[in-house]
Amino acid sequence: MNKVRISETVLRDANQSLIATRMPFSDFEGILETMDKAGYHSLECWGGATFDSCLRYLSEDPWERLRKIKDKVKNTPLQMLLRGQNILGYRHYPDDVVRMFVARSVDNGMDIFRIFDALNDFRNIRVAVDEVLKRNAHAQGAICYTTSPVHTLDNYAKLAKELEEMGVHSICIKDMAGICGPQEAYDIVKALKETVKVPVYFHTHGTTGLGPITYFKAIEAGCDGIDCAISSFSNGTSQPPTETMNYALKQAGYETGLDDSILKQINDHFKPIKEKYVKLGQMDPFVMGVETDALVYQVPGGMLSNLIAQLKAQNALDRLDEVLEETPRVREDLGYPPLVTPMSQMVGVQAVLNVLAGERYKSVAKEVKAYLRGEYGKAPGKIKPELIEQILGDEEPITTRFADTLEPQFEKTKEELKGVARSDEDVLSYIAFPQIAEKFFKEREEREYITVSYSIVKK
């Protein structure tokens, strides 16, 4: 009997996709030990936007959150999403910072690292993969899925081979916009299974409604594992529901290792939490629905909500359709980058600027200029030559790995933060998000002072 491994995303991607990663640790602390007994392949609980959100909105130390989860989850591997050389931020960091981040993540309890680069330029994940392997953790290389004239089956198979040669333990096809159809999933998984020997996983979203059938066809082609979200936090811009996929797969003769009664307990825990976010207005009905326009514009759910927010701020929401039509044109001009962080934000911002200015590229976002200079890596396709000329003039784009131009930063920053940072983890938080981390450190001091003062008064 074939086994399909199921990873649970409610603590990270479902939380990020549906409520912008606003779930505090207290919301799920009480169910972690039960989740540990469900038979999941892994719990995706860290990385992505969780780090930023913990510091910025929840007054939580992300490292402490990881340690607390590990303390309750003894048997199920913990999984994170790592943006390669970008780590968890939006720019490239020096190699010493990437290595230290991976090392400290393992020390604090991380088991599986899903590592991707927004352009599938694997020069930008090599250092992270190497450090994960050195730390005896599981390195999973991810291929960002998209469609364009340059993204062919042959191209995806070559990328998979490159990852396998790098030494990854497994490969994930990452369909962040939920635009991969069932036949495409079947073909791509089959092509990868014929090319590499390591296990192949598939990740998608419910944005377009294709998720469950896409997963099913991927599994028929030999896919080893999928990402799902417990049903109360599933569908829409989240993942397909865990219980539904578990039920369908078991009926079709696959083994999942999941315990149905425990899945029910998990869902019963998260149902009232969902109700709370709906009442607070933090779970927008828009992200819960099916948005088939994504099949036309390839805009992932998170990117769509960003576009709406930008246009609202400019009192220009009535121009959303124009922006959606402009988005694929900008993407083509930029050499067909996959629309995943940070490329999705860059393409979206530029599409908004083009529409609102009434002239294409009259105003150019600084990140787009950096991209054209080669700071994010090699574009999958050819960037429009006139655009390079218009923006860069005589400046030559760099063709080497951008991180090779960066000075080591960790020890220098650690020295600067003496008396402020209490640990290497604090230093890493600061390097990733300086102003937010600084504010968090200050508030942490204040909270502790109040707590100590209160306990003295009580005595």
Protein backbone atom coordinates (compact mmCIF):
# COMPACT_ATOMS: atom_id res chain seq x y z
CA MET A 1 0.00 0.00 0.00
CA ASN A 2 1.42 3.40 -0.98
CA LYS A 3 1.93 5.90 1.84
CA VAL A 4 1.19 9.59 1.38
CA ARG A 5 2.74 11.82 4.02
CA ILE A 6 0.63 14.79 5.14
CA SER A 7 2.12 17.95 6.67
CA GLU A 8 -0.15 20.23 8.70
CA THR A 9 0.05 23.98 7.94
CA VAL A 10 -2.43 25.52 10.43
CA LEU A 11 0.37 26.94 12.58
CA ARG A 12 2.16 28.68 9.69
CA ASP A 13 0.85 28.88 6.11
CA ALA A 14 -2.87 28.60 6.90
CA ASN A 15 -2.41 31.16 9.68
CA GLN A 16 -0.41 33.38 7.30
CA SER A 17 -2.75 33.01 4.31
CA LEU A 18 -6.05 33.56 6.13
CA ILE A 19 -5.33 35.93 9.04
CA ALA A 20 -2.00 37.52 8.05
CA THR A 21 -0.12 35.45 10.69
CA ARG A 22 -1.86 37.06 13.67
CA MET A 23 -2.38 33.89 15.73
CA PRO A 24 -0.60 34.15 19.10
CA PHE A 25 1.01 31.12 20.74
CA SER A 26 -1.74 31.08 23.38
CA ASP A 27 -4.32 30.20 20.69
CA PHE A 28 -2.71 26.85 19.91
CA GLU A 29 -0.60 25.98 22.97
CA GLY A 30 -3.34 23.76 24.40
CA ILE A 31 -3.67 21.55 21.30
CA LEU A 32 0.03 20.97 20.48
CA GLU A 33 0.36 17.70 22.42
CA THR A 34 -2.76 16.36 20.69
CA MET A 35 -1.40 17.43 17.28
CA ASP A 36 1.76 15.49 18.10
CA LYS A 37 -0.32 12.28 18.28
CA ALA A 38 -2.17 12.72 14.97
CA GLY A 39 0.42 10.97 12.77
CA TYR A 40 1.44 13.99 10.69
CA HIS A 41 4.60 13.84 8.58
CA SER A 42 5.48 17.27 10.01
CA LEU A 43 4.02 20.42 11.57
CA GLU A 44 4.86 23.50 9.54
CA CYS A 45 5.02 26.07 12.31
CA TRP A 46 7.76 28.62 11.64
CA GLY A 47 9.41 30.72 8.95
CA GLY A 48 7.59 32.59 6.22
CA ALA A 49 5.97 35.65 7.84
CA THR A 50 5.68 34.16 11.36
CA PHE A 51 9.00 35.65 12.45
CA ASP A 52 8.12 39.19 11.37
CA SER A 53 4.57 38.95 12.80
CA CYS A 54 5.70 37.65 16.20
CA LEU A 55 7.99 40.65 16.67
CA ARG A 56 5.86 43.27 14.95
CA TYR A 57 2.30 42.47 16.04
CA LEU A 58 2.22 39.81 18.75
CA SER A 59 4.99 40.94 21.15
CA GLU A 60 6.38 37.42 21.03
CA ASP A 61 9.96 36.31 20.61
CA PRO A 62 9.85 33.98 17.54
CA TRP A 63 12.75 31.92 18.92
CA GLU A 64 10.95 31.42 22.21
CA ARG A 65 7.81 30.39 20.29
CA LEU A 66 9.84 27.72 18.47
CA ARG A 67 11.29 26.41 21.75
CA LYS A 68 7.84 26.28 23.35
CA ILE A 69 6.40 24.35 20.40
CA LYS A 70 9.32 21.90 20.52
CA ASP A 71 8.74 21.44 24.24
CA LYS A 72 5.19 20.15 23.56
CA VAL A 73 5.81 18.35 20.23
CA LYS A 74 8.17 15.47 20.99
CA ASN A 75 7.51 13.03 18.12
CA THR A 76 6.46 14.98 15.03
CA PRO A 77 9.18 16.83 13.06
CA LEU A 78 8.84 20.62 13.01
CA GLN A 79 9.11 22.31 9.61
CA MET A 80 9.87 25.85 8.47
CA LEU A 81 9.93 27.87 5.25
CA LEU A 82 13.27 29.59 4.58
CA ARG A 83 13.78 32.08 1.74
CA GLY A 84 17.35 30.99 1.03
CA GLN A 85 19.73 33.96 1.05
CA ASN A 86 16.77 36.20 2.05
CA ILE A 87 16.28 34.05 5.21
CA LEU A 88 12.96 35.51 6.44
CA GLY A 89 13.40 39.08 5.22
CA TYR A 90 13.13 40.75 1.84
CA ARG A 91 16.78 41.28 0.92
CA HIS A 92 19.88 39.14 0.64
CA TYR A 93 21.97 38.63 3.78
CA PRO A 94 25.67 37.69 3.99
CA ASP A 95 26.61 34.00 4.19
CA ASP A 96 27.74 34.19 7.83
CA VAL A 97 24.25 35.39 8.83
CA VAL A 98 22.53 32.63 6.79
CA ARG A 99 24.72 29.95 8.39
CA MET A 100 24.20 31.30 11.91
CA PHE A 101 20.44 31.52 11.36
CA VAL A 102 20.26 27.87 10.26
CA ALA A 103 22.50 26.73 13.14
CA ARG A 104 20.43 28.55 15.75
CA SER A 105 17.16 27.31 14.21
CA VAL A 106 18.35 23.71 14.60
CA ASP A 107 19.51 24.41 18.18
CA ASN A 108 16.06 25.80 19.02
CA GLY A 109 14.19 22.77 17.65
CA MET A 110 13.78 22.97 13.85
CA ASP A 111 13.91 19.65 11.98
CA ILE A 112 12.90 20.23 8.34
CA PHE A 113 13.92 23.28 6.31
CA ARG A 114 11.98 23.94 3.11
CA ILE A 115 14.33 26.27 1.25
CA PHE A 116 13.41 28.26 -1.85
CA ASP A 117 14.57 31.14 -4.00
CA ALA A 118 11.94 33.38 -5.60
CA LEU A 119 13.64 33.13 -9.00
CA ASN A 120 14.63 29.44 -8.73
CA ASP A 121 18.22 30.73 -8.89
CA PHE A 122 19.72 28.01 -6.74
CA ARG A 123 22.98 29.89 -6.22
CA ASN A 124 20.85 31.70 -3.62
CA ILE A 125 19.97 28.59 -1.60
CA ARG A 126 23.29 26.72 -1.76
CA VAL A 127 24.69 28.14 1.52
CA ALA A 128 21.46 27.51 3.45
CA VAL A 129 21.23 23.92 2.14
CA ASP A 130 24.90 23.29 2.98
CA GLU A 131 24.46 24.50 6.57
CA VAL A 132 21.27 22.44 7.09
CA LEU A 133 23.17 19.34 5.93
CA LYS A 134 26.10 20.18 8.23
CA ARG A 135 23.68 20.46 11.17
CA ASN A 136 22.17 17.01 10.41
CA ALA A 137 18.70 18.46 9.78
CA HIS A 138 16.46 17.70 6.78
CA ALA A 139 17.08 19.93 3.75
CA GLN A 140 14.13 20.16 1.38
CA GLY A 141 14.78 22.14 -1.80
CA ALA A 142 11.73 23.89 -3.24
CA ILE A 143 10.96 24.74 -6.86
CA CYS A 144 8.59 27.71 -7.24
CA TYR A 145 5.91 26.68 -9.74
CA THR A 146 4.64 29.10 -12.34
CA THR A 147 3.66 29.07 -16.00
CA SER A 148 5.40 30.99 -18.76
CA PRO A 149 7.13 30.27 -22.08
CA VAL A 150 10.37 29.55 -20.17
CA HIS A 151 8.88 27.32 -17.44
CA THR A 152 8.75 23.96 -19.23
CA LEU A 153 8.73 20.36 -17.92
CA ASP A 154 12.31 20.02 -19.11
CA ASN A 155 13.24 23.15 -17.17
CA TYR A 156 11.59 21.86 -13.97
CA ALA A 157 13.34 18.48 -14.32
CA LYS A 158 16.71 20.26 -14.68
CA LEU A 159 16.00 22.32 -11.55
CA ALA A 160 15.15 19.12 -9.63
CA LYS A 161 18.40 17.49 -10.77
CA GLU A 162 20.32 20.57 -9.63
CA LEU A 163 18.72 20.29 -6.19
CA GLU A 164 19.47 16.58 -5.91
CA GLU A 165 23.11 17.18 -6.84
CA MET A 166 23.24 19.85 -4.11
CA GLY A 167 22.47 17.07 -1.60
CA VAL A 168 18.88 17.86 -0.57
CA HIS A 169 16.94 15.06 1.17
CA SER A 170 13.68 15.86 -0.64
CA ILE A 171 12.17 18.24 -3.20
CA CYS A 172 8.96 20.27 -2.99
CA ILE A 173 6.99 21.72 -5.89
CA LYS A 174 5.73 24.99 -4.42
CA ASP A 175 2.56 26.23 -6.13
CA MET A 176 2.06 29.42 -4.13
CA ALA A 177 -0.80 30.81 -6.25
CA GLY A 178 -2.80 27.56 -6.49
CA ILE A 179 -2.63 27.74 -10.29
CA CYS A 180 -1.25 24.28 -11.02
CA GLY A 181 -3.96 22.19 -12.68
CA PRO A 182 -4.34 18.43 -12.14
CA GLN A 183 -2.80 17.41 -15.48
CA GLU A 184 0.12 19.82 -15.00
CA ALA A 185 0.70 18.40 -11.51
CA TYR A 186 0.65 14.84 -12.86
CA ASP A 187 3.12 15.72 -15.63
CA ILE A 188 5.54 17.65 -13.44
CA VAL A 189 5.61 15.02 -10.65
CA LYS A 190 6.09 12.24 -13.23
CA ALA A 191 8.95 14.21 -14.86
CA LEU A 192 10.62 14.74 -11.46
CA LYS A 193 10.16 11.12 -10.34
CA GLU A 194 11.84 9.98 -13.57
CA THR A 195 14.73 12.42 -13.01
CA VAL A 196 15.54 12.24 -9.28
CA LYS A 197 15.61 9.54 -6.60
CA VAL A 198 14.75 11.73 -3.57
CA PRO A 199 11.10 12.02 -2.37
CA VAL A 200 8.94 14.64 -4.10
CA TYR A 201 6.39 16.74 -2.16
CA PHE A 202 3.67 19.04 -3.47
CA HIS A 203 2.42 22.31 -1.97
CA THR A 204 -0.58 24.26 -3.24
CA HIS A 205 -3.34 26.64 -2.10
CA GLY A 206 -7.13 26.53 -2.43
CA THR A 207 -7.23 29.95 -4.14
CA THR A 208 -8.54 28.71 -7.49
CA GLY A 209 -10.44 25.66 -6.17
CA LEU A 210 -8.08 23.27 -7.96
CA GLY A 211 -6.21 22.13 -4.81
CA PRO A 212 -7.72 18.72 -3.97
CA ILE A 213 -7.85 17.43 -7.57
CA THR A 214 -4.36 18.74 -8.24
CA TYR A 215 -3.10 16.88 -5.15
CA PHE A 216 -4.87 13.70 -6.18
CA LYS A 217 -3.31 13.67 -9.65
CA ALA A 218 0.12 14.52 -8.18
CA ILE A 219 -0.22 11.48 -5.88
CA GLU A 220 -1.28 9.27 -8.79
CA ALA A 221 1.99 10.30 -10.49
CA GLY A 222 3.97 9.17 -7.43
CA CYS A 223 4.08 12.26 -5.20
CA ASP A 224 5.30 11.30 -1.71
CA GLY A 225 3.64 13.98 0.42
CA ILE A 226 1.31 16.99 0.46
CA ASP A 227 0.56 20.02 2.65
CA CYS A 228 -2.91 20.36 4.16
CA ALA A 229 -4.66 22.56 6.73
CA ILE A 230 -7.12 21.39 9.37
CA SER A 231 -10.57 22.07 7.88
CA SER A 232 -11.59 25.11 9.94
CA PHE A 233 -8.46 26.91 8.63
CA SER A 234 -8.48 25.43 5.12
CA ASN A 235 -9.46 26.41 1.57
CA GLY A 236 -9.57 29.91 0.14
CA THR A 237 -6.01 31.19 0.11
CA SER A 238 -5.03 28.44 2.60
CA GLN A 239 -4.36 24.75 1.81
CA PRO A 240 -6.91 22.00 1.01
CA PRO A 241 -8.47 20.45 4.16
CA THR A 242 -6.52 17.75 6.01
CA GLU A 243 -9.59 15.64 6.87
CA THR A 244 -11.00 15.72 3.32
CA MET A 245 -7.71 14.68 1.71
CA ASN A 246 -7.17 12.03 4.41
CA TYR A 247 -10.67 10.61 3.78
CA ALA A 248 -10.32 10.59 -0.02
CA LEU A 249 -6.83 9.09 0.01
CA LYS A 250 -7.77 6.31 2.43
CA GLN A 251 -10.84 5.51 0.30
CA ALA A 252 -8.57 5.24 -2.75
CA GLY A 253 -6.35 2.73 -0.94
CA TYR A 254 -3.51 4.99 0.19
CA GLU A 255 -2.11 4.96 3.70
CA THR A 256 -1.71 8.34 5.46
CA GLY A 257 -0.94 7.31 9.04
CA LEU A 258 -3.39 9.93 10.33
CA ASP A 259 -5.80 9.26 13.21
CA ASP A 260 -9.32 10.47 12.29
CA SER A 261 -10.49 10.91 15.90
CA ILE A 262 -7.47 13.07 16.75
CA LEU A 263 -8.01 15.17 13.62
CA LYS A 264 -11.54 15.85 14.91
CA GLN A 265 -10.16 17.00 18.28
CA ILE A 266 -7.74 19.34 16.49
CA ASN A 267 -10.48 20.81 14.33
CA ASP A 268 -12.80 21.22 17.35
CA HIS A 269 -10.02 23.26 19.00
CA PHE A 270 -9.55 25.58 16.01
CA LYS A 271 -13.26 26.10 15.17
CA PRO A 272 -13.94 28.70 17.93
CA ILE A 273 -10.59 30.35 17.15
CA LYS A 274 -11.72 30.81 13.56
CA GLU A 275 -15.04 32.27 14.78
CA LYS A 276 -13.09 34.74 16.91
CA TYR A 277 -11.09 36.01 13.89
CA VAL A 278 -14.21 36.22 11.74
CA LYS A 279 -15.91 38.36 14.42
CA LEU A 280 -12.82 40.55 14.77
CA GLY A 281 -12.90 41.12 11.01
CA GLN A 282 -9.38 39.67 10.70
CA MET A 283 -10.54 36.83 8.46
CA ASP A 284 -11.75 38.61 5.35
CA PRO A 285 -14.52 36.69 3.51
CA PHE A 286 -12.57 37.49 0.32
CA VAL A 287 -9.65 35.19 1.26
CA MET A 288 -12.08 32.37 2.10
CA GLY A 289 -13.61 32.19 -1.38
CA VAL A 290 -12.51 30.77 -4.71
CA GLU A 291 -10.85 33.28 -7.03
CA THR A 292 -10.52 31.80 -10.54
CA ASP A 293 -9.14 35.08 -11.89
CA ALA A 294 -5.84 33.87 -10.41
CA LEU A 295 -5.71 31.40 -13.32
CA VAL A 296 -5.60 34.40 -15.66
CA TYR A 297 -3.42 36.81 -13.67
CA GLN A 298 -1.40 34.29 -11.59
CA VAL A 299 -1.77 36.56 -8.55
CA PRO A 300 -1.40 34.62 -5.25
CA GLY A 301 -3.87 35.39 -2.43
CA GLY A 302 -1.39 37.33 -0.27
CA MET A 303 -0.35 39.44 -3.23
CA LEU A 304 -3.98 40.18 -4.09
CA SER A 305 -4.73 41.43 -0.58
CA ASN A 306 -1.58 43.63 -0.79
CA LEU A 307 -2.76 45.13 -4.11
CA ILE A 308 -6.19 45.87 -2.62
CA ALA A 309 -4.58 47.53 0.44
CA GLN A 310 -2.31 49.68 -1.78
CA LEU A 311 -5.19 50.82 -3.96
CA LYS A 312 -7.42 51.53 -0.94
CA ALA A 313 -4.66 53.75 0.50
CA GLN A 314 -4.66 55.73 -2.76
CA ASN A 315 -8.50 55.81 -2.97
CA ALA A 316 -8.16 53.94 -6.25
CA LEU A 317 -9.80 50.56 -5.57
CA ASP A 318 -11.94 51.07 -8.69
CA ARG A 319 -8.75 50.53 -10.73
CA LEU A 320 -8.08 46.99 -9.43
CA ASP A 321 -9.02 45.36 -12.76
CA GLU A 322 -6.53 47.58 -14.60
CA VAL A 323 -3.80 46.64 -12.11
CA LEU A 324 -4.62 42.93 -12.48
CA GLU A 325 -4.34 43.26 -16.26
CA GLU A 326 -1.05 45.16 -15.95
CA THR A 327 0.50 42.57 -13.58
CA PRO A 328 1.21 39.85 -16.21
CA ARG A 329 2.64 42.52 -18.55
CA VAL A 330 5.08 43.71 -15.87
CA ARG A 331 5.97 40.10 -15.14
CA GLU A 332 6.76 39.45 -18.81
CA ASP A 333 8.90 42.64 -18.97
CA LEU A 334 10.88 41.38 -15.96
CA GLY A 335 11.64 37.96 -17.48
CA TYR A 336 8.74 35.93 -15.98
CA PRO A 337 9.72 35.77 -12.29
CA PRO A 338 7.47 33.43 -10.26
CA LEU A 339 5.06 35.50 -8.16
CA VAL A 340 6.29 34.59 -4.71
CA THR A 341 7.79 36.78 -1.94
CA PRO A 342 9.58 39.11 -2.60
CA MET A 343 8.96 39.06 -6.39
CA SER A 344 5.16 39.13 -5.99
CA GLN A 345 5.35 42.35 -3.95
CA MET A 346 7.76 43.94 -6.45
CA VAL A 347 5.69 43.09 -9.53
CA GLY A 348 2.49 44.18 -7.75
CA VAL A 349 3.88 47.53 -6.60
CA GLN A 350 5.20 48.24 -10.11
CA ALA A 351 1.86 47.35 -11.70
CA VAL A 352 0.12 49.80 -9.32
CA LEU A 353 2.67 52.54 -10.10
CA ASN A 354 2.25 52.00 -13.86
CA VAL A 355 -1.55 52.23 -13.70
CA LEU A 356 -1.79 55.18 -11.30
CA ALA A 357 0.91 57.21 -13.11
CA GLY A 358 -0.87 56.69 -16.42
CA GLU A 359 2.53 55.91 -17.96
CA ARG A 360 4.46 52.66 -17.75
CA TYR A 361 7.69 52.83 -15.72
CA LYS A 362 7.46 56.61 -15.26
CA SER A 363 8.12 55.82 -11.61
CA VAL A 364 10.11 52.67 -10.74
CA ALA A 365 10.18 50.98 -7.31
CA LYS A 366 13.70 50.82 -5.78
CA GLU A 367 13.37 47.02 -5.39
CA VAL A 368 12.64 46.69 -9.11
CA LYS A 369 15.80 48.71 -9.86
CA ALA A 370 17.76 46.35 -7.56
CA TYR A 371 16.24 43.37 -9.39
CA LEU A 372 17.27 44.80 -12.77
CA ARG A 373 20.79 45.30 -11.38
CA GLY A 374 20.91 41.55 -10.66
CA GLU A 375 20.75 41.85 -6.87
CA TYR A 376 18.04 39.19 -6.52
CA GLY A 377 19.62 36.70 -8.93
CA LYS A 378 19.17 35.58 -12.50
CA ALA A 379 15.75 36.14 -14.10
CA PRO A 380 14.18 32.93 -15.45
CA GLY A 381 13.62 34.54 -18.88
CA LYS A 382 14.91 37.53 -20.81
CA ILE A 383 14.29 40.95 -19.25
CA LYS A 384 13.03 43.53 -21.75
CA PRO A 385 16.26 45.22 -23.02
CA GLU A 386 14.60 48.67 -23.37
CA LEU A 387 13.62 48.51 -19.69
CA ILE A 388 17.20 47.77 -18.57
CA GLU A 389 18.43 50.64 -20.74
CA GLN A 390 15.75 53.03 -19.42
CA ILE A 391 16.33 52.21 -15.75
CA LEU A 392 20.05 51.41 -15.56
CA GLY A 393 21.45 53.49 -18.42
CA ASP A 394 25.13 52.56 -18.84
CA GLU A 395 25.28 50.61 -15.56
CA GLU A 396 26.11 46.94 -16.13
CA PRO A 397 23.93 44.43 -14.22
CA ILE A 398 25.89 42.03 -12.00
CA THR A 399 25.98 38.41 -13.09
CA THR A 400 27.65 36.91 -10.00
CA ARG A 401 25.82 35.82 -6.85
CA PHE A 402 24.90 39.06 -5.05
CA ALA A 403 25.75 37.65 -1.60
CA ASP A 404 29.39 37.35 -2.77
CA THR A 405 29.54 41.15 -2.67
CA LEU A 406 28.33 41.37 0.95
CA GLU A 407 30.64 41.74 3.96
CA PRO A 408 30.16 39.39 6.94
CA GLN A 409 27.73 41.01 9.37
CA PHE A 410 27.01 38.79 12.36
CA GLU A 411 29.99 39.42 14.67
CA LYS A 412 30.04 43.14 13.85
CA THR A 413 26.33 43.51 14.72
CA LYS A 414 26.75 41.39 17.87
CA GLU A 415 29.44 43.81 19.07
CA GLU A 416 27.20 46.81 18.31
CA LEU A 417 24.31 45.28 20.27
CA LYS A 418 26.27 44.61 23.49
CA GLY A 419 23.98 45.33 26.42
CA VAL A 420 20.90 45.21 24.18
CA ALA A 421 20.91 41.72 22.65
CA ARG A 422 20.79 38.90 25.19
CA SER A 423 21.65 36.10 22.77
CA ASP A 424 22.76 35.24 19.25
CA GLU A 425 19.06 34.79 18.50
CA ASP A 426 18.42 38.42 19.44
CA VAL A 427 21.23 39.50 17.10
CA LEU A 428 19.67 37.52 14.24
CA SER A 429 16.23 39.03 14.92
CA TYR A 430 17.82 42.48 14.77
CA ILE A 431 19.70 41.78 11.51
CA ALA A 432 16.47 40.55 9.89
CA PHE A 433 14.24 43.40 11.14
CA PRO A 434 16.31 46.13 12.86
CA GLN A 435 13.65 48.70 13.85
CA ILE A 436 11.01 46.12 14.75
CA ALA A 437 13.47 44.08 16.84
CA GLU A 438 14.74 47.20 18.62
CA LYS A 439 11.18 48.15 19.56
CA PHE A 440 10.52 44.55 20.69
CA PHE A 441 13.66 44.51 22.93
CA LYS A 442 12.59 47.79 24.56
CA GLU A 443 9.04 46.57 25.20
CA ARG A 444 10.38 43.27 26.56
CA GLU A 445 12.48 45.20 29.13
CA GLU A 446 9.42 47.25 30.11
CA ARG A 447 7.21 44.15 30.46
CA GLU A 448 9.80 42.44 32.66
CA TYR A 449 10.25 45.55 34.79
CA ILE A 450 6.49 45.77 35.36
CA THR A 451 6.30 42.03 36.20
CA VAL A 452 9.21 42.25 38.69
CA SER A 453 7.78 45.44 40.28
CA TYR A 454 4.34 43.80 40.59
CA SER A 455 5.76 40.68 42.29
CA ILE A 456 7.75 42.83 44.77
CA VAL A 457 4.62 44.86 45.64
CA LYS A 458 2.63 41.61 46.03
CA LYS A 459 5.15 40.27 48.53
